[in-house]
Amino acid sequence: MSGRALLSMATWWSMTLWMAAIAAAGIAAAGVFATLPELNPTLPEFSAMDPSVHGRLASGLITEPIFTATDAAQVVFTCIVLACIVLHWAVGAGSHRPVARIGWTLASLLAMACLWSRIFLIMPDMNADLQAYRTAARNGDVDLATRAYDAFNSMHPTASTLMETGAILTLIAIGALAIMYRLPGKQGASR
């Protein structure tokens, strides 16, 4: 197997697994947050909190490890994609379709920027506020829990926008990659 074939395989696997990790997080959030609160669960350790928020608390406790795992997977896959981009440009792979190669490169890099800014700039503060919220809720400090939740929730739209934009850019990158790797058709064939 040639080096270019291995590069192609590594690129396709890392791009599709990256997209799968994005989708897994989104599907998990949509399913759990849409279903669990309607079941009206009761969480004894959060008994000081209004029972109407127990479903949201339970949903967050369930999805947090999923988000952590999918974010970690995305960091790994984006590092592989970044290496693939560098190698594509270094060996001239995809140069026969320069617009598609540039599109794939730019869409991938912008998607990585969305992911990495969310993970390294937004999520540390969000996670700190989330932990403060849960701790205060467990300890029965409703006022502190409310302030911590409001702080967490104020950053949620930015984090969601970065995640959604990254997903769209990743799909665009996969489309550009498909065009870049499209086999040449028969040119000038008679009809």
C-alpha atoms as a PDB file:
ATOM      1  CA  MET A   1       0.000   0.000   0.000  1.00  0.00           C
ATOM      2  CA  SER A   2       1.392   3.384  -0.995  1.00  0.00           C
ATOM      3  CA  GLY A   3       2.013   6.285   1.334  1.00  0.00           C
ATOM      4  CA  ARG A   4      -0.672   8.330  -0.433  1.00  0.00           C
ATOM      5  CA  ALA A   5      -3.213   5.541   0.076  1.00  0.00           C
ATOM      6  CA  LEU A   6      -2.378   5.470   3.803  1.00  0.00           C
ATOM      7  CA  LEU A   7      -2.661   9.248   3.936  1.00  0.00           C
ATOM      8  CA  SER A   8      -6.060   9.058   2.244  1.00  0.00           C
ATOM      9  CA  MET A   9      -7.258   6.398   4.680  1.00  0.00           C
ATOM     10  CA  ALA A  10      -6.015   8.305   7.722  1.00  0.00           C
ATOM     11  CA  THR A  11      -7.669  11.472   6.450  1.00  0.00           C
ATOM     12  CA  TRP A  12     -11.027   9.835   5.783  1.00  0.00           C
ATOM     13  CA  TRP A  13     -11.054   7.927   9.068  1.00  0.00           C
ATOM     14  CA  SER A  14     -10.118  10.963  11.166  1.00  0.00           C
ATOM     15  CA  MET A  15     -12.601  13.255   9.389  1.00  0.00           C
ATOM     16  CA  THR A  16     -15.528  10.819   9.671  1.00  0.00           C
ATOM     17  CA  LEU A  17     -14.756   9.851  13.266  1.00  0.00           C
ATOM     18  CA  TRP A  18     -14.487  13.540  14.146  1.00  0.00           C
ATOM     19  CA  MET A  19     -17.949  14.091  12.655  1.00  0.00           C
ATOM     20  CA  ALA A  20     -19.257  10.998  14.457  1.00  0.00           C
ATOM     21  CA  ALA A  21     -18.033  12.396  17.794  1.00  0.00           C
ATOM     22  CA  ILE A  22     -19.815  15.700  17.108  1.00  0.00           C
ATOM     23  CA  ALA A  23     -22.994  13.841  16.186  1.00  0.00           C
ATOM     24  CA  ALA A  24     -22.799  11.572  19.242  1.00  0.00           C
ATOM     25  CA  ALA A  25     -22.655  14.552  21.597  1.00  0.00           C
ATOM     26  CA  GLY A  26     -25.539  16.298  19.863  1.00  0.00           C
ATOM     27  CA  ILE A  27     -27.731  13.198  19.707  1.00  0.00           C
ATOM     28  CA  ALA A  28     -27.061  12.366  23.354  1.00  0.00           C
ATOM     29  CA  ALA A  29     -27.925  15.905  24.462  1.00  0.00           C
ATOM     30  CA  ALA A  30     -31.068  16.049  22.348  1.00  0.00           C
ATOM     31  CA  GLY A  31     -32.296  12.678  23.558  1.00  0.00           C
ATOM     32  CA  VAL A  32     -31.519  13.008  27.241  1.00  0.00           C
ATOM     33  CA  PHE A  33     -32.531  16.654  27.731  1.00  0.00           C
ATOM     34  CA  ALA A  34     -35.765  16.117  25.768  1.00  0.00           C
ATOM     35  CA  THR A  35     -36.777  12.940  27.605  1.00  0.00           C
ATOM     36  CA  LEU A  36     -35.483  12.890  31.169  1.00  0.00           C
ATOM     37  CA  PRO A  37     -36.996  16.136  32.536  1.00  0.00           C
ATOM     38  CA  GLU A  38     -40.456  14.979  31.407  1.00  0.00           C
ATOM     39  CA  LEU A  39     -40.066  11.906  33.629  1.00  0.00           C
ATOM     40  CA  ASN A  40     -39.910  14.199  36.687  1.00  0.00           C
ATOM     41  CA  PRO A  41     -37.094  12.377  38.464  1.00  0.00           C
ATOM     42  CA  THR A  42     -36.356  13.073  42.099  1.00  0.00           C
ATOM     43  CA  LEU A  43     -32.722  13.352  43.169  1.00  0.00           C
ATOM     44  CA  PRO A  44     -32.472  13.035  46.967  1.00  0.00           C
ATOM     45  CA  GLU A  45     -29.025  14.623  47.158  1.00  0.00           C
ATOM     46  CA  PHE A  46     -30.488  17.789  45.563  1.00  0.00           C
ATOM     47  CA  SER A  47     -33.589  17.881  47.799  1.00  0.00           C
ATOM     48  CA  ALA A  48     -33.165  21.596  48.606  1.00  0.00           C
ATOM     49  CA  MET A  49     -33.673  22.462  44.952  1.00  0.00           C
ATOM     50  CA  ASP A  50     -37.068  22.902  43.347  1.00  0.00           C
ATOM     51  CA  PRO A  51     -38.123  19.443  42.103  1.00  0.00           C
ATOM     52  CA  SER A  52     -38.797  20.929  38.654  1.00  0.00           C
ATOM     53  CA  VAL A  53     -35.028  21.308  38.058  1.00  0.00           C
ATOM     54  CA  HIS A  54     -34.166  17.736  39.044  1.00  0.00           C
ATOM     55  CA  GLY A  55     -34.720  16.498  35.487  1.00  0.00           C
ATOM     56  CA  ARG A  56     -32.286  19.083  34.126  1.00  0.00           C
ATOM     57  CA  LEU A  57     -29.773  18.201  36.851  1.00  0.00           C
ATOM     58  CA  ALA A  58     -30.092  14.488  36.095  1.00  0.00           C
ATOM     59  CA  SER A  59     -29.747  15.143  32.354  1.00  0.00           C
ATOM     60  CA  GLY A  60     -26.541  17.087  32.935  1.00  0.00           C
ATOM     61  CA  LEU A  61     -25.119  14.384  35.175  1.00  0.00           C
ATOM     62  CA  ILE A  62     -25.821  11.762  32.503  1.00  0.00           C
ATOM     63  CA  THR A  63     -24.501  13.735  29.528  1.00  0.00           C
ATOM     64  CA  GLU A  64     -21.401  15.280  31.118  1.00  0.00           C
ATOM     65  CA  PRO A  65     -19.221  12.153  30.704  1.00  0.00           C
ATOM     66  CA  ILE A  66     -20.482  11.799  27.122  1.00  0.00           C
ATOM     67  CA  PHE A  67     -19.510  15.399  26.347  1.00  0.00           C
ATOM     68  CA  THR A  68     -16.124  14.910  27.995  1.00  0.00           C
ATOM     69  CA  ALA A  69     -15.437  11.728  26.014  1.00  0.00           C
ATOM     70  CA  THR A  70     -16.578  13.170  22.685  1.00  0.00           C
ATOM     71  CA  ASP A  71     -14.571  16.359  23.239  1.00  0.00           C
ATOM     72  CA  ALA A  72     -11.458  14.301  24.029  1.00  0.00           C
ATOM     73  CA  ALA A  73     -12.047  12.181  20.922  1.00  0.00           C
ATOM     74  CA  GLN A  74     -12.474  15.322  18.814  1.00  0.00           C
ATOM     75  CA  VAL A  75      -9.184  16.742  20.059  1.00  0.00           C
ATOM     76  CA  VAL A  76      -7.427  13.510  19.034  1.00  0.00           C
ATOM     77  CA  PHE A  77      -9.128  13.377  15.629  1.00  0.00           C
ATOM     78  CA  THR A  78      -8.470  17.047  14.888  1.00  0.00           C
ATOM     79  CA  CYS A  79      -4.788  16.585  15.679  1.00  0.00           C
ATOM     80  CA  ILE A  80      -4.705  13.718  13.167  1.00  0.00           C
ATOM     81  CA  VAL A  81      -6.606  15.833  10.610  1.00  0.00           C
ATOM     82  CA  LEU A  82      -4.134  18.677  11.143  1.00  0.00           C
ATOM     83  CA  ALA A  83      -1.238  16.298  10.490  1.00  0.00           C
ATOM     84  CA  CYS A  84      -3.052  15.042   7.366  1.00  0.00           C
ATOM     85  CA  ILE A  85      -3.509  18.603   6.111  1.00  0.00           C
ATOM     86  CA  VAL A  86       0.186  19.292   6.535  1.00  0.00           C
ATOM     87  CA  LEU A  87       1.088  16.050   4.763  1.00  0.00           C
ATOM     88  CA  HIS A  88      -1.350  16.700   1.908  1.00  0.00           C
ATOM     89  CA  TRP A  89       0.238  20.061   1.255  1.00  0.00           C
ATOM     90  CA  ALA A  90       3.781  18.732   1.710  1.00  0.00           C
ATOM     91  CA  VAL A  91       3.410  15.893  -0.797  1.00  0.00           C
ATOM     92  CA  GLY A  92       1.032  17.668  -3.157  1.00  0.00           C
ATOM     93  CA  ALA A  93      -1.862  15.275  -2.554  1.00  0.00           C
ATOM     94  CA  GLY A  94      -5.085  16.679  -3.960  1.00  0.00           C
ATOM     95  CA  SER A  95      -3.277  19.340  -5.967  1.00  0.00           C
ATOM     96  CA  HIS A  96      -5.177  18.262  -9.099  1.00  0.00           C
ATOM     97  CA  ARG A  97      -8.264  19.822  -7.484  1.00  0.00           C
ATOM     98  CA  PRO A  98      -6.851  22.962  -5.843  1.00  0.00           C
ATOM     99  CA  VAL A  99     -10.204  24.588  -5.000  1.00  0.00           C
ATOM    100  CA  ALA A 100     -11.407  21.454  -3.198  1.00  0.00           C
ATOM    101  CA  ARG A 101      -8.076  21.101  -1.365  1.00  0.00           C
ATOM    102  CA  ILE A 102      -8.198  24.737  -0.248  1.00  0.00           C
ATOM    103  CA  GLY A 103     -11.874  24.336   0.751  1.00  0.00           C
ATOM    104  CA  TRP A 104     -11.143  21.194   2.750  1.00  0.00           C
ATOM    105  CA  THR A 105      -8.157  22.833   4.426  1.00  0.00           C
ATOM    106  CA  LEU A 106      -9.961  26.059   5.339  1.00  0.00           C
ATOM    107  CA  ALA A 107     -13.177  24.383   6.496  1.00  0.00           C
ATOM    108  CA  SER A 108     -11.183  21.903   8.606  1.00  0.00           C
ATOM    109  CA  LEU A 109      -9.025  24.608  10.177  1.00  0.00           C
ATOM    110  CA  LEU A 110     -12.027  26.800  10.958  1.00  0.00           C
ATOM    111  CA  ALA A 111     -13.874  23.822  12.473  1.00  0.00           C
ATOM    112  CA  MET A 112     -10.792  23.080  14.591  1.00  0.00           C
ATOM    113  CA  ALA A 113     -10.707  26.720  15.710  1.00  0.00           C
ATOM    114  CA  CYS A 114     -14.361  26.441  16.816  1.00  0.00           C
ATOM    115  CA  LEU A 115     -13.673  23.221  18.709  1.00  0.00           C
ATOM    116  CA  TRP A 116     -10.444  24.298  20.353  1.00  0.00           C
ATOM    117  CA  SER A 117     -11.781  27.723  21.350  1.00  0.00           C
ATOM    118  CA  ARG A 118     -14.818  26.098  22.906  1.00  0.00           C
ATOM    119  CA  ILE A 119     -12.790  23.470  24.753  1.00  0.00           C
ATOM    120  CA  PHE A 120      -9.872  25.623  25.876  1.00  0.00           C
ATOM    121  CA  LEU A 121     -11.440  29.094  26.251  1.00  0.00           C
ATOM    122  CA  ILE A 122     -15.137  28.598  27.056  1.00  0.00           C
ATOM    123  CA  MET A 123     -15.448  25.205  28.746  1.00  0.00           C
ATOM    124  CA  PRO A 124     -13.083  25.743  31.714  1.00  0.00           C
ATOM    125  CA  ASP A 125     -15.253  28.592  33.061  1.00  0.00           C
ATOM    126  CA  MET A 126     -18.472  26.775  32.165  1.00  0.00           C
ATOM    127  CA  ASN A 127     -17.310  23.623  33.930  1.00  0.00           C
ATOM    128  CA  ALA A 128     -16.259  25.603  37.011  1.00  0.00           C
ATOM    129  CA  ASP A 129     -19.686  27.259  37.153  1.00  0.00           C
ATOM    130  CA  LEU A 130     -21.395  23.915  36.595  1.00  0.00           C
ATOM    131  CA  GLN A 131     -19.473  22.308  39.467  1.00  0.00           C
ATOM    132  CA  ALA A 132     -20.229  25.315  41.697  1.00  0.00           C
ATOM    133  CA  TYR A 133     -23.915  24.951  40.791  1.00  0.00           C
ATOM    134  CA  ARG A 134     -23.998  21.258  41.639  1.00  0.00           C
ATOM    135  CA  THR A 135     -22.051  21.709  44.879  1.00  0.00           C
ATOM    136  CA  ALA A 136     -24.311  24.552  46.025  1.00  0.00           C
ATOM    137  CA  ALA A 137     -27.397  22.556  45.027  1.00  0.00           C
ATOM    138  CA  ARG A 138     -26.190  19.541  47.036  1.00  0.00           C
ATOM    139  CA  ASN A 139     -25.450  21.770  50.022  1.00  0.00           C
ATOM    140  CA  GLY A 140     -28.877  23.404  49.837  1.00  0.00           C
ATOM    141  CA  ASP A 141     -27.541  26.882  48.998  1.00  0.00           C
ATOM    142  CA  VAL A 142     -30.228  27.795  46.475  1.00  0.00           C
ATOM    143  CA  ASP A 143     -29.028  31.387  45.979  1.00  0.00           C
ATOM    144  CA  LEU A 144     -25.461  30.351  45.166  1.00  0.00           C
ATOM    145  CA  ALA A 145     -26.747  27.525  42.980  1.00  0.00           C
ATOM    146  CA  THR A 146     -28.922  29.974  41.044  1.00  0.00           C
ATOM    147  CA  ARG A 147     -26.047  32.434  40.515  1.00  0.00           C
ATOM    148  CA  ALA A 148     -23.685  29.648  39.400  1.00  0.00           C
ATOM    149  CA  TYR A 149     -26.289  28.222  37.033  1.00  0.00           C
ATOM    150  CA  ASP A 150     -26.975  31.671  35.566  1.00  0.00           C
ATOM    151  CA  ALA A 151     -23.231  32.149  34.994  1.00  0.00           C
ATOM    152  CA  PHE A 152     -23.024  28.722  33.316  1.00  0.00           C
ATOM    153  CA  ASN A 153     -26.125  29.372  31.256  1.00  0.00           C
ATOM    154  CA  SER A 154     -24.855  32.781  30.068  1.00  0.00           C
ATOM    155  CA  MET A 155     -21.961  31.034  28.265  1.00  0.00           C
ATOM    156  CA  HIS A 156     -24.075  28.181  26.914  1.00  0.00           C
ATOM    157  CA  PRO A 157     -25.227  30.008  23.728  1.00  0.00           C
ATOM    158  CA  THR A 158     -21.610  30.744  22.773  1.00  0.00           C
ATOM    159  CA  ALA A 159     -20.568  27.142  23.387  1.00  0.00           C
ATOM    160  CA  SER A 160     -23.564  25.852  21.412  1.00  0.00           C
ATOM    161  CA  THR A 161     -22.879  28.221  18.519  1.00  0.00           C
ATOM    162  CA  LEU A 162     -19.249  27.117  18.363  1.00  0.00           C
ATOM    163  CA  MET A 163     -20.322  23.459  18.424  1.00  0.00           C
ATOM    164  CA  GLU A 164     -22.952  23.918  15.712  1.00  0.00           C
ATOM    165  CA  THR A 165     -20.665  26.022  13.522  1.00  0.00           C
ATOM    166  CA  GLY A 166     -17.900  23.442  13.925  1.00  0.00           C
ATOM    167  CA  ALA A 167     -20.303  20.672  12.878  1.00  0.00           C
ATOM    168  CA  ILE A 168     -21.371  22.557   9.750  1.00  0.00           C
ATOM    169  CA  LEU A 169     -17.753  23.334   8.849  1.00  0.00           C
ATOM    170  CA  THR A 170     -16.777  19.694   9.384  1.00  0.00           C
ATOM    171  CA  LEU A 171     -19.532  18.589   7.006  1.00  0.00           C
ATOM    172  CA  ILE A 172     -18.339  21.149   4.457  1.00  0.00           C
ATOM    173  CA  ALA A 173     -14.780  19.855   4.891  1.00  0.00           C
ATOM    174  CA  ILE A 174     -15.923  16.269   4.304  1.00  0.00           C
ATOM    175  CA  GLY A 175     -17.749  17.385   1.147  1.00  0.00           C
ATOM    176  CA  ALA A 176     -14.664  19.207  -0.125  1.00  0.00           C
ATOM    177  CA  LEU A 177     -12.547  16.157   0.703  1.00  0.00           C
ATOM    178  CA  ALA A 178     -14.924  13.976  -1.336  1.00  0.00           C
ATOM    179  CA  ILE A 179     -14.534  16.308  -4.302  1.00  0.00           C
ATOM    180  CA  MET A 180     -10.763  16.368  -3.851  1.00  0.00           C
ATOM    181  CA  TYR A 181     -10.594  12.559  -3.868  1.00  0.00           C
ATOM    182  CA  ARG A 182     -13.160  12.051  -6.632  1.00  0.00           C
ATOM    183  CA  LEU A 183     -11.787   9.800  -9.297  1.00  0.00           C
ATOM    184  CA  PRO A 184     -11.392  11.493 -12.665  1.00  0.00           C
ATOM    185  CA  GLY A 185     -14.168  10.577 -15.089  1.00  0.00           C
ATOM    186  CA  LYS A 186     -13.786   9.823 -18.765  1.00  0.00           C
ATOM    187  CA  GLN A 187     -13.008  13.117 -20.403  1.00  0.00           C
ATOM    188  CA  GLY A 188     -14.125  13.769 -23.963  1.00  0.00           C
ATOM    189  CA  ALA A 189     -16.022  10.496 -24.318  1.00  0.00           C
ATOM    190  CA  SER A 190     -18.303  10.408 -27.327  1.00  0.00           C
ATOM    191  CA  ARG A 191     -22.027  10.178 -26.850  1.00  0.00           C
END
